[in-house]
C-alpha atoms as a PDB file:
ATOM      1  CA  PRO A   1      64.616  53.692  36.098  1.00  0.00           C
ATOM      2  CA  ALA A   2      64.169  50.344  34.379  1.00  0.00           C
ATOM      3  CA  MET A   3      61.623  50.159  31.611  1.00  0.00           C
ATOM      4  CA  LEU A   4      58.518  48.276  32.678  1.00  0.00           C
ATOM      5  CA  PRO A   5      57.222  45.587  30.323  1.00  0.00           C
ATOM      6  CA  LEU A   6      54.646  47.060  27.975  1.00  0.00           C
ATOM      7  CA  PRO A   7      51.196  45.425  27.962  1.00  0.00           C
ATOM      8  CA  GLU A   8      51.169  45.131  24.163  1.00  0.00           C
ATOM      9  CA  GLY A   9      54.531  43.392  24.239  1.00  0.00           C
ATOM     10  CA  ILE A  10      53.236  40.911  26.797  1.00  0.00           C
ATOM     11  CA  ARG A  11      50.072  40.384  24.764  1.00  0.00           C
ATOM     12  CA  LEU A  12      52.167  39.625  21.659  1.00  0.00           C
ATOM     13  CA  SER A  13      54.390  37.227  23.637  1.00  0.00           C
ATOM     14  CA  LEU A  14      51.337  35.318  24.879  1.00  0.00           C
ATOM     15  CA  SER A  15      49.946  35.113  21.348  1.00  0.00           C
ATOM     16  CA  GLU A  16      53.255  33.801  20.035  1.00  0.00           C
ATOM     17  CA  ALA A  17      53.589  31.341  22.942  1.00  0.00           C
ATOM     18  CA  THR A  18      50.213  29.873  21.982  1.00  0.00           C
ATOM     19  CA  ARG A  19      51.022  29.780  18.260  1.00  0.00           C
ATOM     20  CA  LEU A  20      54.448  28.186  18.773  1.00  0.00           C
ATOM     21  CA  ASN A  21      53.517  26.079  21.815  1.00  0.00           C
ATOM     22  CA  ASP A  22      56.485  27.795  23.496  1.00  0.00           C
ATOM     23  CA  ALA A  23      56.581  27.248  27.274  1.00  0.00           C
ATOM     24  CA  ASP A  24      59.722  29.401  27.726  1.00  0.00           C
ATOM     25  CA  LEU A  25      58.050  32.370  26.035  1.00  0.00           C
ATOM     26  CA  LEU A  26      55.020  31.873  28.295  1.00  0.00           C
ATOM     27  CA  ARG A  27      57.256  31.834  31.392  1.00  0.00           C
ATOM     28  CA  ARG A  28      58.954  35.062  30.310  1.00  0.00           C
ATOM     29  CA  ALA A  29      55.581  36.738  29.637  1.00  0.00           C
ATOM     30  CA  HIS A  30      54.325  35.625  33.059  1.00  0.00           C
ATOM     31  CA  ALA A  31      57.461  37.027  34.709  1.00  0.00           C
ATOM     32  CA  ASP A  32      56.900  40.330  32.863  1.00  0.00           C
ATOM     33  CA  ILE A  33      53.298  40.397  34.140  1.00  0.00           C
ATOM     34  CA  LEU A  34      54.513  40.013  37.737  1.00  0.00           C
ATOM     35  CA  VAL A  35      57.042  42.838  37.221  1.00  0.00           C
ATOM     36  CA  SER A  36      54.311  45.041  35.742  1.00  0.00           C
ATOM     37  CA  LEU A  37      51.911  44.357  38.621  1.00  0.00           C
ATOM     38  CA  ALA A  38      54.597  45.436  41.088  1.00  0.00           C
ATOM     39  CA  GLY A  39      54.919  48.794  39.307  1.00  0.00           C
ATOM     40  CA  PRO A  40      52.890  52.009  39.645  1.00  0.00           C
ATOM     41  CA  PRO A  41      49.112  51.597  39.138  1.00  0.00           C
ATOM     42  CA  GLN A  42      48.983  53.572  35.895  1.00  0.00           C
ATOM     43  CA  GLU A  43      51.550  51.255  34.289  1.00  0.00           C
ATOM     44  CA  ARG A  44      50.173  47.900  35.418  1.00  0.00           C
ATOM     45  CA  VAL A  45      48.851  45.431  32.876  1.00  0.00           C
ATOM     46  CA  GLY A  46      45.076  45.148  32.659  1.00  0.00           C
ATOM     47  CA  ARG A  47      43.061  42.225  33.955  1.00  0.00           C
ATOM     48  CA  ASP A  48      42.543  41.058  30.370  1.00  0.00           C
ATOM     49  CA  ILE A  49      46.271  40.225  30.137  1.00  0.00           C
ATOM     50  CA  LEU A  50      45.940  37.995  33.218  1.00  0.00           C
ATOM     51  CA  VAL A  51      43.142  36.040  31.529  1.00  0.00           C
ATOM     52  CA  LEU A  52      45.121  35.762  28.272  1.00  0.00           C
ATOM     53  CA  CYS A  53      48.044  34.444  30.312  1.00  0.00           C
ATOM     54  CA  ALA A  54      45.812  31.875  32.030  1.00  0.00           C
ATOM     55  CA  GLU A  55      44.301  30.768  28.696  1.00  0.00           C
ATOM     56  CA  THR A  56      47.760  30.382  27.155  1.00  0.00           C
ATOM     57  CA  ALA A  57      49.017  28.451  30.193  1.00  0.00           C
ATOM     58  CA  VAL A  58      46.029  26.091  30.062  1.00  0.00           C
ATOM     59  CA  LYS A  59      46.674  25.394  26.378  1.00  0.00           C
ATOM     60  CA  LEU A  60      50.340  24.684  27.148  1.00  0.00           C
ATOM     61  CA  ARG A  61      49.335  22.750  30.307  1.00  0.00           C
ATOM     62  CA  ALA A  62      51.497  25.029  32.452  1.00  0.00           C
ATOM     63  CA  THR A  63      49.200  24.581  35.431  1.00  0.00           C
ATOM     64  CA  SER A  64      51.186  26.579  38.010  1.00  0.00           C
ATOM     65  CA  ILE A  65      51.261  29.670  35.762  1.00  0.00           C
ATOM     66  CA  ALA A  66      47.551  29.265  34.944  1.00  0.00           C
ATOM     67  CA  THR A  67      46.730  28.960  38.656  1.00  0.00           C
ATOM     68  CA  ASN A  68      48.755  32.058  39.535  1.00  0.00           C
ATOM     69  CA  ALA A  69      47.318  34.159  36.687  1.00  0.00           C
ATOM     70  CA  LEU A  70      43.742  33.267  37.687  1.00  0.00           C
ATOM     71  CA  GLU A  71      44.403  33.916  41.375  1.00  0.00           C
ATOM     72  CA  LEU A  72      45.758  37.348  40.444  1.00  0.00           C
ATOM     73  CA  TYR A  73      42.803  38.001  38.140  1.00  0.00           C
ATOM     74  CA  PHE A  74      40.170  37.200  40.743  1.00  0.00           C
ATOM     75  CA  LEU A  75      42.146  39.171  43.340  1.00  0.00           C
ATOM     76  CA  GLU A  76      42.238  42.177  40.996  1.00  0.00           C
ATOM     77  CA  SER A  77      38.548  41.854  40.092  1.00  0.00           C
ATOM     78  CA  SER A  78      35.585  42.421  42.307  1.00  0.00           C
ATOM     79  CA  GLU A  79      33.480  39.269  42.235  1.00  0.00           C
ATOM     80  CA  PRO A  80      30.796  39.734  39.560  1.00  0.00           C
ATOM     81  CA  LYS A  81      27.201  39.475  40.719  1.00  0.00           C
ATOM     82  CA  LEU A  82      24.285  38.969  38.396  1.00  0.00           C
ATOM     83  CA  ARG A  83      22.047  41.053  40.666  1.00  0.00           C
ATOM     84  CA  ASP A  84      22.630  43.623  43.358  1.00  0.00           C
ATOM     85  CA  GLY A  85      20.990  43.564  46.794  1.00  0.00           C
ATOM     86  CA  GLU A  86      17.833  45.214  45.480  1.00  0.00           C
ATOM     87  CA  GLY A  87      17.348  42.720  42.661  1.00  0.00           C
ATOM     88  CA  ASN A  88      18.667  44.963  39.889  1.00  0.00           C
ATOM     89  CA  VAL A  89      20.730  43.189  37.236  1.00  0.00           C
ATOM     90  CA  LEU A  90      24.291  44.464  37.218  1.00  0.00           C
ATOM     91  CA  GLU A  91      26.064  44.995  33.913  1.00  0.00           C
ATOM     92  CA  LEU A  92      28.826  42.540  33.153  1.00  0.00           C
ATOM     93  CA  LYS A  93      32.188  44.311  33.131  1.00  0.00           C
ATOM     94  CA  ASP A  94      33.723  42.609  30.110  1.00  0.00           C
ATOM     95  CA  GLN A  95      34.100  39.323  28.270  1.00  0.00           C
ATOM     96  CA  PHE A  96      37.180  38.425  30.318  1.00  0.00           C
ATOM     97  CA  VAL A  97      35.057  37.670  33.374  1.00  0.00           C
ATOM     98  CA  CYS A  98      33.466  34.788  31.443  1.00  0.00           C
ATOM     99  CA  ARG A  99      36.755  33.694  29.945  1.00  0.00           C
ATOM    100  CA  ALA A 100      38.421  33.615  33.370  1.00  0.00           C
ATOM    101  CA  TRP A 101      35.747  31.197  34.626  1.00  0.00           C
ATOM    102  CA  TYR A 102      36.191  29.080  31.478  1.00  0.00           C
ATOM    103  CA  ALA A 103      39.959  28.926  32.062  1.00  0.00           C
ATOM    104  CA  LYS A 104      39.382  28.019  35.721  1.00  0.00           C
ATOM    105  CA  ALA A 105      37.124  25.160  34.574  1.00  0.00           C
ATOM    106  CA  LEU A 106      39.673  23.836  32.070  1.00  0.00           C
ATOM    107  CA  LEU A 107      42.460  24.092  34.648  1.00  0.00           C
ATOM    108  CA  HIS A 108      40.400  22.175  37.202  1.00  0.00           C
ATOM    109  CA  ALA A 109      39.660  19.507  34.577  1.00  0.00           C
ATOM    110  CA  ILE A 110      43.393  19.063  33.925  1.00  0.00           C
ATOM    111  CA  GLY A 111      43.797  18.443  37.655  1.00  0.00           C
ATOM    112  CA  CYS A 112      41.224  15.635  37.437  1.00  0.00           C
ATOM    113  CA  GLU A 113      43.167  13.658  34.850  1.00  0.00           C
ATOM    114  CA  GLY A 114      44.225  10.272  36.155  1.00  0.00           C
ATOM    115  CA  GLN A 115      41.484  10.202  38.785  1.00  0.00           C
ATOM    116  CA  THR A 116      38.867   7.451  38.860  1.00  0.00           C
ATOM    117  CA  GLY A 117      35.565   6.647  40.514  1.00  0.00           C
ATOM    118  CA  ARG A 118      33.859   9.130  42.780  1.00  0.00           C
ATOM    119  CA  SER A 119      36.758  11.607  42.830  1.00  0.00           C
ATOM    120  CA  LEU A 120      36.674  11.852  39.015  1.00  0.00           C
ATOM    121  CA  VAL A 121      32.894  12.439  39.034  1.00  0.00           C
ATOM    122  CA  VAL A 122      33.103  15.106  41.752  1.00  0.00           C
ATOM    123  CA  GLY A 123      36.119  16.820  40.178  1.00  0.00           C
ATOM    124  CA  THR A 124      34.528  16.894  36.732  1.00  0.00           C
ATOM    125  CA  LEU A 125      31.265  18.293  38.121  1.00  0.00           C
ATOM    126  CA  ASP A 126      33.226  20.968  40.005  1.00  0.00           C
ATOM    127  CA  ALA A 127      34.989  21.952  36.764  1.00  0.00           C
ATOM    128  CA  LEU A 128      31.640  22.135  34.966  1.00  0.00           C
ATOM    129  CA  GLY A 129      30.343  24.320  37.796  1.00  0.00           C
ATOM    130  CA  PHE A 130      33.067  26.884  37.078  1.00  0.00           C
ATOM    131  CA  LEU A 131      32.248  26.705  33.368  1.00  0.00           C
ATOM    132  CA  LEU A 132      28.539  27.268  34.004  1.00  0.00           C
ATOM    133  CA  THR A 133      29.322  30.313  36.169  1.00  0.00           C
ATOM    134  CA  GLY A 134      30.983  31.885  33.128  1.00  0.00           C
ATOM    135  CA  LEU A 135      28.193  30.715  30.819  1.00  0.00           C
ATOM    136  CA  LYS A 136      25.485  32.302  32.995  1.00  0.00           C
ATOM    137  CA  LEU A 137      27.388  35.588  32.921  1.00  0.00           C
ATOM    138  CA  ALA A 138      27.664  35.369  29.121  1.00  0.00           C
ATOM    139  CA  LEU A 139      23.934  34.696  28.833  1.00  0.00           C
ATOM    140  CA  SER A 140      23.189  37.715  31.038  1.00  0.00           C
ATOM    141  CA  ASP A 141      24.497  40.183  28.433  1.00  0.00           C
ATOM    142  CA  ARG A 142      23.711  39.854  24.719  1.00  0.00           C
ATOM    143  CA  ARG A 143      27.086  41.404  23.826  1.00  0.00           C
ATOM    144  CA  TYR A 144      28.767  38.238  25.101  1.00  0.00           C
ATOM    145  CA  LEU A 145      26.510  35.613  23.548  1.00  0.00           C
ATOM    146  CA  PHE A 146      29.380  34.693  21.202  1.00  0.00           C
ATOM    147  CA  LEU A 147      31.054  33.171  24.275  1.00  0.00           C
ATOM    148  CA  VAL A 148      28.198  30.650  24.614  1.00  0.00           C
ATOM    149  CA  PHE A 149      29.589  28.655  21.682  1.00  0.00           C
ATOM    150  CA  ASP A 150      33.013  28.552  23.361  1.00  0.00           C
ATOM    151  CA  ALA A 151      31.392  27.317  26.579  1.00  0.00           C
ATOM    152  CA  SER A 152      29.658  24.482  24.717  1.00  0.00           C
ATOM    153  CA  VAL A 153      32.957  23.329  23.172  1.00  0.00           C
ATOM    154  CA  HIS A 154      34.675  23.428  26.576  1.00  0.00           C
ATOM    155  CA  TYR A 155      31.703  21.576  28.054  1.00  0.00           C
ATOM    156  CA  ALA A 156      32.041  18.720  25.570  1.00  0.00           C
ATOM    157  CA  VAL A 157      35.745  18.364  26.420  1.00  0.00           C
ATOM    158  CA  ILE A 158      35.452  18.691  30.213  1.00  0.00           C
ATOM    159  CA  SER A 159      32.424  16.411  30.525  1.00  0.00           C
ATOM    160  CA  ARG A 160      33.961  13.611  28.426  1.00  0.00           C
ATOM    161  CA  PRO A 161      34.889  11.400  31.444  1.00  0.00           C
ATOM    162  CA  LEU A 162      31.199  11.315  32.423  1.00  0.00           C
ATOM    163  CA  GLN A 163      29.819  10.776  28.927  1.00  0.00           C
ATOM    164  CA  LYS A 164      29.151   7.087  29.383  1.00  0.00           C
ATOM    165  CA  THR A 165      26.266   4.932  30.521  1.00  0.00           C
ATOM    166  CA  GLY A 166      25.704   5.254  34.246  1.00  0.00           C
ATOM    167  CA  THR A 167      27.290   8.681  34.686  1.00  0.00           C
ATOM    168  CA  ARG A 168      25.618  10.673  31.860  1.00  0.00           C
ATOM    169  CA  ARG A 169      22.661  11.299  34.184  1.00  0.00           C
ATOM    170  CA  GLN A 170      25.002  13.545  36.192  1.00  0.00           C
ATOM    171  CA  LEU A 171      25.120  15.858  33.145  1.00  0.00           C
ATOM    172  CA  VAL A 172      21.376  16.343  32.553  1.00  0.00           C
ATOM    173  CA  GLU A 173      21.016  19.682  34.347  1.00  0.00           C
ATOM    174  CA  SER A 174      24.244  21.228  33.066  1.00  0.00           C
ATOM    175  CA  SER A 175      23.871  20.008  29.456  1.00  0.00           C
ATOM    176  CA  THR A 176      20.318  21.395  29.441  1.00  0.00           C
ATOM    177  CA  LEU A 177      21.637  24.848  30.331  1.00  0.00           C
ATOM    178  CA  VAL A 178      24.272  24.695  27.583  1.00  0.00           C
ATOM    179  CA  ALA A 179      21.778  23.374  24.986  1.00  0.00           C
ATOM    180  CA  GLU A 180      19.324  26.170  25.825  1.00  0.00           C
ATOM    181  CA  GLY A 181      22.147  28.707  25.588  1.00  0.00           C
ATOM    182  CA  LEU A 182      23.129  27.450  22.126  1.00  0.00           C
ATOM    183  CA  GLU A 183      19.570  28.098  20.935  1.00  0.00           C
ATOM    184  CA  ARG A 184      20.255  31.827  21.487  1.00  0.00           C
ATOM    185  CA  VAL A 185      23.353  31.855  19.276  1.00  0.00           C
ATOM    186  CA  ALA A 186      23.113  32.229  15.504  1.00  0.00           C
ATOM    187  CA  GLY A 187      25.012  29.845  13.252  1.00  0.00           C
ATOM    188  CA  HIS A 188      26.973  26.758  14.309  1.00  0.00           C
ATOM    189  CA  GLU A 189      24.125  24.491  13.130  1.00  0.00           C
ATOM    190  CA  ALA A 190      26.315  21.392  12.734  1.00  0.00           C
ATOM    191  CA  TRP A 191      27.864  21.847  16.173  1.00  0.00           C
ATOM    192  CA  ARG A 192      24.472  22.551  17.758  1.00  0.00           C
ATOM    193  CA  ALA A 193      23.117  19.299  16.265  1.00  0.00           C
ATOM    194  CA  HIS A 194      26.136  17.406  17.631  1.00  0.00           C
ATOM    195  CA  PHE A 195      25.668  18.928  21.078  1.00  0.00           C
ATOM    196  CA  LEU A 196      21.945  18.139  21.104  1.00  0.00           C
ATOM    197  CA  ARG A 197      22.801  14.493  20.408  1.00  0.00           C
ATOM    198  CA  LEU A 198      25.141  14.561  23.401  1.00  0.00           C
ATOM    199  CA  HIS A 199      22.378  16.156  25.480  1.00  0.00           C
ATOM    200  CA  ALA A 200      19.836  13.545  24.312  1.00  0.00           C
ATOM    201  CA  LEU A 201      22.166  10.752  25.475  1.00  0.00           C
ATOM    202  CA  CYS A 202      22.320  12.400  28.903  1.00  0.00           C
ATOM    203  CA  LEU A 203      18.507  12.544  29.046  1.00  0.00           C
ATOM    204  CA  SER A 204      18.199   8.895  28.003  1.00  0.00           C
ATOM    205  CA  ASP A 205      20.498   7.876  30.857  1.00  0.00           C
ATOM    206  CA  ALA A 206      18.503   9.758  33.501  1.00  0.00           C
END
């Protein structure tokens, strides 16, 4: 029987694709992931590899691969819930749940490029909605608070089309959530100060 691609080999390929900005290496890694997922359950790549693939594809702007990797990830994962039916908080499975939502947000933002007017506002707010889903999950478990900083950086990038007079008011609620989240993370003082200035501009436009 043919040797199935090894998860560590795929992980290394994705890392190298990011480092070298190599779209061909990304395509080969994605093809290996699809081969692996078609194999026996015990030899399939983990969900973390799907998120790494999506993150790499977003960085390389390979939107079709990013879309496919995220679709597979969410298909393979049970939808995370912050609380069960009886109001008990459920433990977050792993950091990749948050990172998948971040990648989905960045991918959606790429799809908004070139849009104007109302469609740009709606598309950007939708992307921020995906980002905030991941942020809320990160804030629900202290082990993943380090991901709050990442969310704030992504927020600054994704929200840029709305960071001007007249549309900043659309960012008040979401930037408040990010600013409050940053208060729970140690370090990053310079970045926190920068983000709070961004947040203050949103408040002044409201």
